[in-house]
Protein backbone atom coordinates (compact mmCIF):
# COMPACT_ATOMS: atom_id res chain seq x y z
CA MET A 1 -277.56 102.75 140.20
CA LYS A 2 -274.71 101.05 137.58
CA ILE A 3 -274.92 101.24 133.88
CA GLY A 4 -276.14 98.22 133.26
CA LYS A 5 -278.77 98.77 136.09
CA PHE A 6 -280.02 101.87 134.39
CA GLY A 7 -280.45 100.22 130.76
CA GLU A 8 -282.42 97.08 132.34
CA VAL A 9 -284.63 99.68 133.80
CA ASN A 10 -285.11 101.52 130.68
CA LYS A 11 -285.29 99.09 128.52
CA LEU A 12 -281.89 100.66 126.29
CA SER A 13 -278.89 98.18 125.56
CA ILE A 14 -275.75 99.85 126.96
CA ASP A 15 -274.44 100.42 123.77
CA THR A 16 -277.10 102.98 123.32
CA ILE A 17 -276.81 104.57 126.71
CA ARG A 18 -272.77 105.11 126.04
CA HIS A 19 -273.62 106.34 122.88
CA TYR A 20 -275.84 109.15 125.06
CA MET A 21 -272.74 110.37 126.45
CA ASP A 22 -270.46 110.29 123.91
CA LEU A 23 -272.84 112.91 122.82
CA GLY A 24 -272.50 114.79 126.08
CA LEU A 25 -276.40 114.41 126.44
CA ILE A 26 -276.11 112.00 129.34
CA VAL A 27 -273.82 112.97 132.14
CA PRO A 28 -273.20 110.33 134.82
CA GLU A 29 -270.81 110.64 137.60
CA LYS A 30 -267.71 108.23 137.82
CA LYS A 31 -266.33 106.85 140.57
CA GLY A 32 -263.47 104.81 140.17
CA GLY A 33 -264.12 102.73 137.02
CA HIS A 34 -267.37 102.91 137.30
CA TYR A 35 -270.36 105.34 135.81
CA PHE A 36 -273.73 105.83 138.42
CA PHE A 37 -276.88 107.40 136.92
CA ASP A 38 -278.87 108.91 139.62
CA GLU A 39 -282.32 111.32 139.13
CA ARG A 40 -281.12 113.74 136.98
CA CYS A 41 -279.63 111.12 134.30
CA GLN A 42 -283.00 109.33 134.39
CA ASN A 43 -284.94 112.82 133.90
CA VAL A 44 -282.66 113.99 131.22
CA LEU A 45 -283.11 109.74 129.66
CA GLU A 46 -286.76 110.62 129.69
CA LEU A 47 -286.49 113.88 127.89
CA ILE A 48 -283.97 111.98 125.14
CA LEU A 49 -286.95 109.73 124.23
CA GLU A 50 -289.55 111.95 124.12
CA PHE A 51 -288.08 114.50 121.60
CA LYS A 52 -287.18 111.13 119.71
CA GLU A 53 -291.24 110.52 119.66
CA MET A 54 -291.59 114.37 118.30
CA GLY A 55 -288.91 112.94 115.45
CA PHE A 56 -285.91 114.57 116.66
CA SER A 57 -282.31 113.15 115.88
CA LEU A 58 -279.65 113.35 118.59
CA ASN A 59 -278.12 116.02 117.37
CA GLU A 60 -281.24 117.94 116.92
CA ILE A 61 -281.81 116.69 121.01
CA LYS A 62 -277.79 117.87 122.10
CA LYS A 63 -278.86 121.61 120.74
CA ILE A 64 -282.33 121.73 122.49
CA PHE A 65 -280.12 120.66 125.99
CA LEU A 66 -277.90 122.98 125.07
CA TYR A 67 -280.33 125.92 125.30
CA LYS A 68 -282.12 124.21 128.55
CA ASN A 69 -278.78 124.08 130.00
CA PHE A 70 -277.26 127.47 129.33
CA GLY A 71 -280.45 129.61 129.03
CA GLU A 72 -282.00 127.64 132.86
CA LEU A 73 -283.64 130.34 134.98
CA THR A 74 -284.05 132.80 131.95
CA ASP A 75 -287.24 132.85 129.96
CA TYR A 76 -285.34 131.10 127.22
CA GLU A 77 -288.58 129.39 125.62
CA HIS A 78 -289.79 132.55 124.49
CA ASP A 79 -287.40 132.79 122.29
CA THR A 80 -287.76 133.03 118.61
CA SER A 81 -284.49 130.76 118.22
CA TYR A 82 -285.25 128.00 120.63
CA GLN A 83 -288.83 128.23 119.52
CA SER A 84 -288.23 128.00 116.22
CA LEU A 85 -286.63 124.66 116.83
CA PHE A 86 -290.03 122.96 116.90
CA MET A 87 -291.43 125.01 114.37
CA ASP A 88 -289.00 123.41 111.90
CA LYS A 89 -289.43 120.53 113.12
CA TYR A 90 -293.06 120.77 112.60
CA GLU A 91 -292.81 121.83 109.33
CA GLN A 92 -290.43 118.77 108.43
CA VAL A 93 -292.62 116.61 109.35
CA GLY A 94 -295.85 118.19 107.50
CA GLN A 95 -293.51 118.39 104.66
CA GLU A 96 -292.28 114.26 105.56
CA ILE A 97 -295.93 113.69 105.57
CA ASN A 98 -296.81 115.11 101.91
CA ASN A 99 -293.59 113.17 100.44
CA LEU A 100 -295.23 109.93 102.20
CA VAL A 101 -298.74 110.48 101.00
CA GLU A 102 -297.03 111.27 97.45
CA ILE A 103 -295.24 108.48 97.89
CA LYS A 104 -297.89 106.09 99.16
CA GLU A 105 -300.03 106.93 96.11
CA LYS A 106 -296.87 106.31 93.34
CA LEU A 107 -297.14 102.80 95.09
CA LYS A 108 -301.04 102.09 94.51
CA THR A 109 -300.58 103.77 91.21
CA LYS A 110 -297.86 100.65 90.39
CA LEU A 111 -299.59 97.90 92.17
CA ASP A 112 -302.65 98.79 90.20
CA ALA A 113 -300.55 98.72 87.47
CA LEU A 114 -299.15 95.47 87.74
CA SER A 115 -302.26 93.88 89.14
CA ALA A 116 -303.56 94.73 85.46
CA LYS A 117 -300.52 93.53 83.93
CA SER A 118 -301.25 89.94 85.57
CA LYS A 119 -304.47 90.34 84.64
CA GLY A 120 -304.01 90.84 81.10
CA SER A 121 -304.54 89.42 77.47
CA SER A 122 -301.18 86.90 76.45
CA TRP A 123 -301.47 86.01 72.88
CA ARG A 124 -299.33 82.50 72.28
CA ILE A 125 -296.47 82.29 69.94
CA GLY A 126 -295.84 80.13 67.44
CA ILE A 127 -294.41 79.31 63.63
CA ASP A 128 -295.66 81.95 61.81
CA LEU A 129 -297.07 80.52 58.37
CA LYS A 130 -295.43 83.16 56.42
CA VAL A 131 -291.65 81.60 58.08
CA LEU A 132 -292.47 77.82 56.32
CA ASP A 133 -290.22 79.25 53.06
CA MET A 134 -287.58 80.11 55.19
CA LEU A 135 -287.37 76.48 57.11
CA LYS A 136 -285.44 73.62 55.35
CA CYS A 137 -284.52 70.10 56.06
CA LEU A 138 -280.94 69.97 57.43
CA LYS A 139 -280.33 66.56 55.19
CA CYS A 140 -281.90 67.47 52.05
CA SER A 141 -282.22 71.70 52.06
CA ALA A 142 -285.21 71.24 50.63
CA LYS A 143 -288.38 72.57 52.03
CA LEU A 144 -290.24 71.44 55.06
CA ILE A 145 -294.28 70.30 54.66
CA LEU A 146 -296.69 71.06 57.60
CA GLN A 147 -298.92 68.07 58.82
CA ASP A 148 -300.52 67.38 61.61
CA GLY A 149 -300.47 70.91 62.64
CA ILE A 150 -303.01 72.71 65.17
CA ILE A 151 -303.12 76.76 63.49
CA ASN A 152 -304.01 79.30 65.58
CA ARG A 153 -304.22 83.13 63.84
CA ASN A 154 -301.61 81.89 61.05
CA GLN A 155 -299.31 80.56 63.90
CA ILE A 156 -298.53 76.92 64.03
CA MET A 157 -298.77 75.83 67.43
CA GLU A 158 -298.58 71.68 67.36
CA GLY A 159 -297.52 69.66 64.35
CA LYS A 160 -294.85 68.04 62.66
CA LEU A 161 -292.73 69.34 59.74
CA THR A 162 -291.73 66.90 57.00
CA CYS A 163 -289.68 66.35 53.59
CA ASN A 164 -289.79 64.55 50.80
CA CYS A 165 -286.53 62.76 52.14
CA GLY A 166 -288.72 61.22 55.56
CA GLU A 167 -286.87 63.60 57.55
CA GLU A 168 -289.04 65.08 60.55
CA TYR A 169 -289.52 68.29 62.99
CA LEU A 170 -291.50 68.52 65.71
CA VAL A 171 -293.19 71.25 66.65
CA GLU A 172 -294.11 71.51 70.26
CA SER A 173 -296.61 74.47 71.64
CA GLY A 174 -295.04 76.87 69.24
CA ILE A 175 -291.20 75.40 69.34
CA LEU A 176 -289.53 73.77 66.04
CA LYS A 177 -287.74 71.19 68.15
CA VAL A 178 -284.84 69.78 66.13
CA GLY A 179 -283.44 66.14 66.82
CA ASN A 180 -283.53 64.90 70.32
CA SER A 181 -280.08 65.97 71.90
CA PHE A 182 -282.30 68.76 74.06
CA GLN A 183 -280.61 69.91 77.17
CA ALA A 184 -282.71 68.21 80.20
CA ALA A 185 -283.70 70.71 82.71
CA SER A 186 -281.68 71.15 85.92
CA GLY A 187 -281.57 73.40 89.10
CA PRO A 188 -284.57 76.04 89.94
CA HIS A 189 -287.32 76.89 88.16
CA HIS A 190 -286.39 79.33 85.14
CA GLU A 191 -288.23 82.38 87.48
CA GLU A 192 -286.91 81.38 90.48
CA PHE A 193 -283.38 81.27 88.69
CA ILE A 194 -283.20 84.57 87.52
CA LEU A 195 -283.72 85.64 91.67
CA GLU A 196 -281.07 82.99 92.66
CA TYR A 197 -278.62 84.13 89.61
CA ILE A 198 -279.05 87.74 90.78
CA HIS A 199 -278.22 86.37 94.26
CA VAL A 200 -275.12 84.46 93.86
CA THR A 201 -273.53 85.98 90.62
CA ASP A 202 -270.91 89.06 91.92
CA PRO A 203 -271.83 92.41 92.04
CA THR A 204 -269.22 93.59 89.47
CA TYR A 205 -270.31 91.05 86.82
CA LEU A 206 -273.76 91.28 86.92
CA GLU A 207 -273.04 95.15 86.24
CA ASN A 208 -270.37 93.60 83.30
CA ILE A 209 -273.59 91.57 81.66
CA ARG A 210 -275.84 94.99 82.44
CA LYS A 211 -273.64 96.83 80.19
CA VAL A 212 -272.63 95.31 77.82
CA GLY A 213 -276.50 94.91 76.82
CA GLU A 214 -277.18 98.12 76.80
CA TRP A 215 -274.22 98.61 74.77
CA LEU A 216 -275.70 95.73 72.38
CA ARG A 217 -279.10 97.20 72.45
CA ARG A 218 -278.11 100.49 71.79
CA LYS A 219 -276.32 98.99 68.45
CA LEU A 220 -279.38 97.55 67.64
CA GLY A 221 -281.10 100.67 68.08
CA GLN A 222 -279.56 102.08 65.45
CA LEU A 223 -280.25 99.63 62.48
CA ASN A 224 -283.63 99.48 60.76
CA LEU A 225 -285.35 95.91 61.62
CA ASN A 226 -288.55 96.39 59.40
CA ASP A 227 -288.47 93.25 57.47
CA LYS A 228 -285.38 92.01 59.01
CA VAL A 229 -284.11 88.78 59.85
CA VAL A 230 -282.50 88.69 63.65
CA LEU A 231 -280.91 85.51 64.66
CA GLU A 232 -279.70 85.21 67.96
CA LEU A 233 -277.22 82.19 69.11
CA GLY A 234 -277.90 81.26 72.56
CA SER A 235 -281.37 82.93 73.46
CA GLY A 236 -281.29 81.27 77.10
CA VAL A 237 -283.65 82.73 79.59
CA GLY A 238 -283.16 85.93 77.69
CA PHE A 239 -281.66 88.43 79.61
CA PHE A 240 -281.23 90.19 76.21
CA LEU A 241 -284.50 89.39 74.25
CA ARG A 242 -286.69 90.30 77.19
CA ASN A 243 -284.78 94.05 76.83
CA ILE A 244 -285.46 95.00 73.41
CA PHE A 245 -288.90 92.92 72.73
CA ARG A 246 -290.97 95.58 72.60
CA GLU A 247 -289.03 97.73 70.35
CA LEU A 248 -288.84 95.14 67.55
CA PRO A 249 -291.27 95.88 64.57
CA GLU A 250 -294.03 93.40 64.43
CA ASN A 251 -292.55 93.02 60.70
CA CYS A 252 -289.51 91.91 61.93
CA LEU A 253 -287.95 87.85 62.47
CA TYR A 254 -286.84 87.12 65.56
CA ILE A 255 -284.96 83.88 65.82
CA ALA A 256 -284.13 82.37 69.37
CA VAL A 257 -281.54 79.28 69.37
CA ASP A 258 -280.91 77.25 72.11
CA ARG A 259 -280.87 73.54 73.14
CA ASN A 260 -282.84 73.74 76.15
CA LEU A 261 -286.38 72.78 76.17
CA GLU A 262 -287.70 73.85 79.20
CA ARG A 263 -285.56 77.55 78.91
CA HIS A 264 -287.59 78.19 75.61
CA ARG A 265 -290.87 77.28 76.92
CA PHE A 266 -290.07 79.41 80.27
CA LEU A 267 -288.68 82.64 77.82
CA LYS A 268 -292.02 81.91 75.31
CA GLY A 269 -294.47 82.16 78.02
CA VAL A 270 -292.62 85.17 79.62
CA LEU A 271 -293.27 86.62 76.27
CA GLU A 272 -296.40 85.79 75.79
CA ARG A 273 -297.93 87.45 78.83
CA SER A 274 -296.74 90.58 78.15
CA GLY A 275 -299.33 91.09 75.55
CA VAL A 276 -297.23 92.32 73.45
CA LYS A 277 -297.27 90.88 69.50
CA ARG A 278 -294.12 90.16 68.07
CA ASN A 279 -292.47 87.71 65.65
CA ILE A 280 -290.73 85.19 67.40
CA LEU A 281 -289.44 81.93 66.02
CA PHE A 282 -288.34 79.27 68.66
CA ILE A 283 -285.83 76.84 67.38
CA CYS A 284 -284.58 74.13 69.83
CA ALA A 285 -281.28 72.76 68.19
CA ASP A 286 -277.62 72.62 68.79
CA PHE A 287 -276.19 75.48 66.76
CA LEU A 288 -274.84 73.72 63.97
CA ASP A 289 -278.59 71.77 63.46
CA ILE A 290 -280.40 75.32 62.77
CA PRO A 291 -282.86 73.99 59.89
CA ILE A 292 -283.00 77.87 57.46
CA GLN A 293 -282.20 77.87 54.40
CA GLU A 294 -278.72 79.77 53.47
CA TYR A 295 -278.57 83.28 53.35
CA SER A 296 -280.96 84.27 55.40
CA VAL A 297 -279.84 86.43 58.11
CA ASP A 298 -279.26 90.06 58.25
CA ILE A 299 -278.31 90.51 61.78
CA VAL A 300 -276.65 87.62 63.86
CA MET A 301 -277.04 88.36 67.81
CA ASP A 302 -274.06 86.45 69.51
CA HIS A 303 -273.89 87.36 73.06
CA SER A 304 -271.74 84.89 74.86
CA GLY A 305 -273.10 82.00 72.00
CA THR A 306 -269.63 81.56 70.08
CA SER A 307 -267.64 81.80 74.21
CA ASN A 308 -270.38 79.26 75.69
CA TYR A 309 -269.95 76.70 72.21
CA SER A 310 -266.15 77.61 73.03
CA PHE A 311 -265.47 76.33 76.18
CA GLU A 312 -266.22 72.41 74.46
CA HIS A 313 -265.32 73.08 70.94
CA GLU A 314 -262.43 74.36 68.76
CA ALA A 315 -264.19 75.73 65.95
CA PHE A 316 -265.27 78.80 66.22
CA LEU A 317 -268.79 79.02 65.75
CA LEU A 318 -269.66 82.07 63.77
CA ARG A 319 -267.61 80.68 60.57
CA GLU A 320 -269.77 77.05 61.38
CA VAL A 321 -272.86 78.79 60.55
CA ASP A 322 -271.51 81.70 58.52
CA SER A 323 -273.56 79.80 55.63
CA LEU A 324 -276.72 81.18 57.02
CA PHE A 325 -276.01 84.75 57.28
CA LYS A 326 -276.47 87.32 54.67
CA PRO A 327 -272.85 88.54 52.14
CA ASP A 328 -274.60 92.22 53.99
CA CYS A 329 -275.25 90.95 57.45
CA TYR A 330 -274.56 92.62 60.92
CA LEU A 331 -272.98 91.28 63.53
CA LEU A 332 -273.65 92.31 66.77
CA GLY A 333 -271.17 90.25 69.44
CA SER A 334 -270.03 89.67 72.82
CA PHE A 335 -267.36 87.57 73.52
CA ILE A 336 -266.06 86.41 76.82
CA ALA A 337 -261.91 87.14 77.03
CA PHE A 338 -259.13 86.41 79.38
CA LYS A 339 -256.77 88.77 79.90
CA ASN A 340 -254.64 85.99 81.43
CA PHE A 341 -254.94 81.89 81.92
CA SER A 342 -253.47 80.53 85.23
CA ALA A 343 -251.47 76.85 85.49
CA ASN A 344 -255.15 75.96 87.66
CA SER A 345 -257.27 77.08 84.26
CA LYS A 346 -260.45 75.59 83.83
CA ILE A 347 -260.15 75.88 80.14
CA GLU A 348 -258.32 73.40 77.88
CA ALA A 349 -254.96 74.95 76.35
CA ARG A 350 -256.86 73.86 72.89
CA PHE A 351 -260.30 75.66 73.59
CA ARG A 352 -258.19 78.59 74.54
CA ASP A 353 -257.68 80.72 71.04
CA ASN A 354 -261.42 81.60 70.80
CA PHE A 355 -261.19 83.41 74.71
CA ILE A 356 -257.90 85.57 73.25
CA ALA A 357 -259.83 88.58 72.08
CA LYS A 358 -256.92 88.84 69.72
CA ARG A 359 -257.59 86.07 68.05
CA ILE A 360 -261.66 86.31 68.16
CA LYS A 361 -260.88 89.77 66.10
CA GLU A 362 -258.93 87.25 63.47
CA ASN A 363 -261.96 85.19 63.56
CA ILE A 364 -263.97 88.22 62.81
CA ASN A 365 -261.84 89.79 60.07
CA THR A 366 -261.75 85.88 58.15
CA LEU A 367 -265.58 86.56 58.29
CA ASN A 368 -264.75 89.91 56.58
CA TYR A 369 -267.09 91.91 58.80
CA ILE A 370 -266.02 96.17 59.05
CA SER A 371 -265.85 97.11 62.46
CA ILE A 372 -268.50 100.20 63.27
CA GLU A 373 -267.93 100.11 66.70
CA GLU A 374 -266.07 97.77 69.55
CA ARG A 375 -265.60 98.00 73.36
CA ALA A 376 -264.03 95.78 76.17
CA SER A 377 -265.45 96.38 79.44
CA GLU A 378 -263.11 96.55 83.13
CA TYR A 379 -261.26 93.02 84.13
CA ILE A 380 -263.43 90.65 86.10
CA ASP A 381 -261.59 88.39 88.89
CA ARG A 382 -265.27 86.78 90.36
CA GLY A 383 -267.87 85.48 89.00
CA GLY A 384 -270.62 83.27 90.85
CA LYS A 385 -272.29 79.74 91.13
CA TYR A 386 -272.40 79.94 87.65
CA GLU A 387 -270.10 81.59 86.52
CA ASN A 388 -267.37 79.73 87.64
CA PHE A 389 -265.65 79.47 84.47
CA PHE A 390 -262.20 81.05 85.58
CA VAL A 391 -260.54 80.84 89.13
CA GLN A 392 -258.57 82.91 91.11
CA GLY A 393 -256.06 84.55 89.68
CA GLU A 394 -256.87 84.59 86.15
CA GLU A 395 -259.02 87.97 85.05
CA ILE A 396 -261.78 88.32 81.99
CA TYR A 397 -263.66 90.58 80.53
CA SER A 398 -266.28 91.17 77.85
CA TYR A 399 -265.04 92.22 74.41
CA SER A 400 -267.82 93.50 72.25
CA PHE A 401 -267.94 93.90 68.34
CA PHE A 402 -270.28 95.32 65.63
CA GLY A 403 -269.79 95.44 62.11
CA LYS A 404 -271.23 94.49 59.19
CA ARG A 405 -269.40 92.86 55.87
């Protein structure tokens, strides 16, 4: 029969049969331009399938066939080398079974841990009462007073912070809201967004973000965070905070600032479900409206916060909020830098200085930060659906800075 019929009878594709032919396992007769498969070919195929069911690879089956072909009419089946092919496979399968049992047990342990974690205890993050002394009115700089508050374990969960001048700041679900210019929620739910972000963002870009985050994490780990105030400009969905959360001392105050209230709610919920208690202050506000006293911050985390601000502003963000930082403040920053700008660049000419590494360094130097360590990533020419601020022909990279003044 021809190859098509042979494949149909044995429920195999023509490509599979041709592969067996290429390996020399099946040798049909060729007449003209066609191959014809006889009973011998059928017997050989049945042997192939039998050995495959025993777990032999095609190359191993080829070796078995060599013994059979060259040892025909001899006592080859009693040959120790021939028998060892089956004994070795038997022992190999036994080891694979043991490995799979071990893997299964590890998976079971992990699943049990995940199940217990999902059912574990949670706690609620609010505004610690001790933080009130650090907050101020943006209008007159006076301290704020709590009114109509709901307090849970010394954490303000709901309420209103007022000033004698008449200014009011709402606390909603433990988040301090400043003003009304909050970014509205858009797109998928934030948990779904993270998964989508991974799928639609170029792997090289994602790897760069991961490496930058690890670098910043290591530098932060070199500092004594006990009784320190850390301010993150633009916490987003918490890519950075979620990775260093457990490493923070309980007596460290970490201030997460973002304009998007829904992102804050999502991130806060994730941290609460961890069951790990840390002192986090969520402030939903514009970067220029952070209501904390001057010279309060020991360490500023600027993980693309200044860069994101620079898409719409000429001013260098760190200079605009510099009054919040102590004279001996540390800076841990990561900035988007362009290697070149295309004629079709999405970055307006008046905003470009804050995307040039040399200018970024100059701005940092004018704020009296002395470099401890700097890092520049590889060039990247693709982003993705959510990282589409550069166009074909442009290359960007991450410039990271660790310093103190």
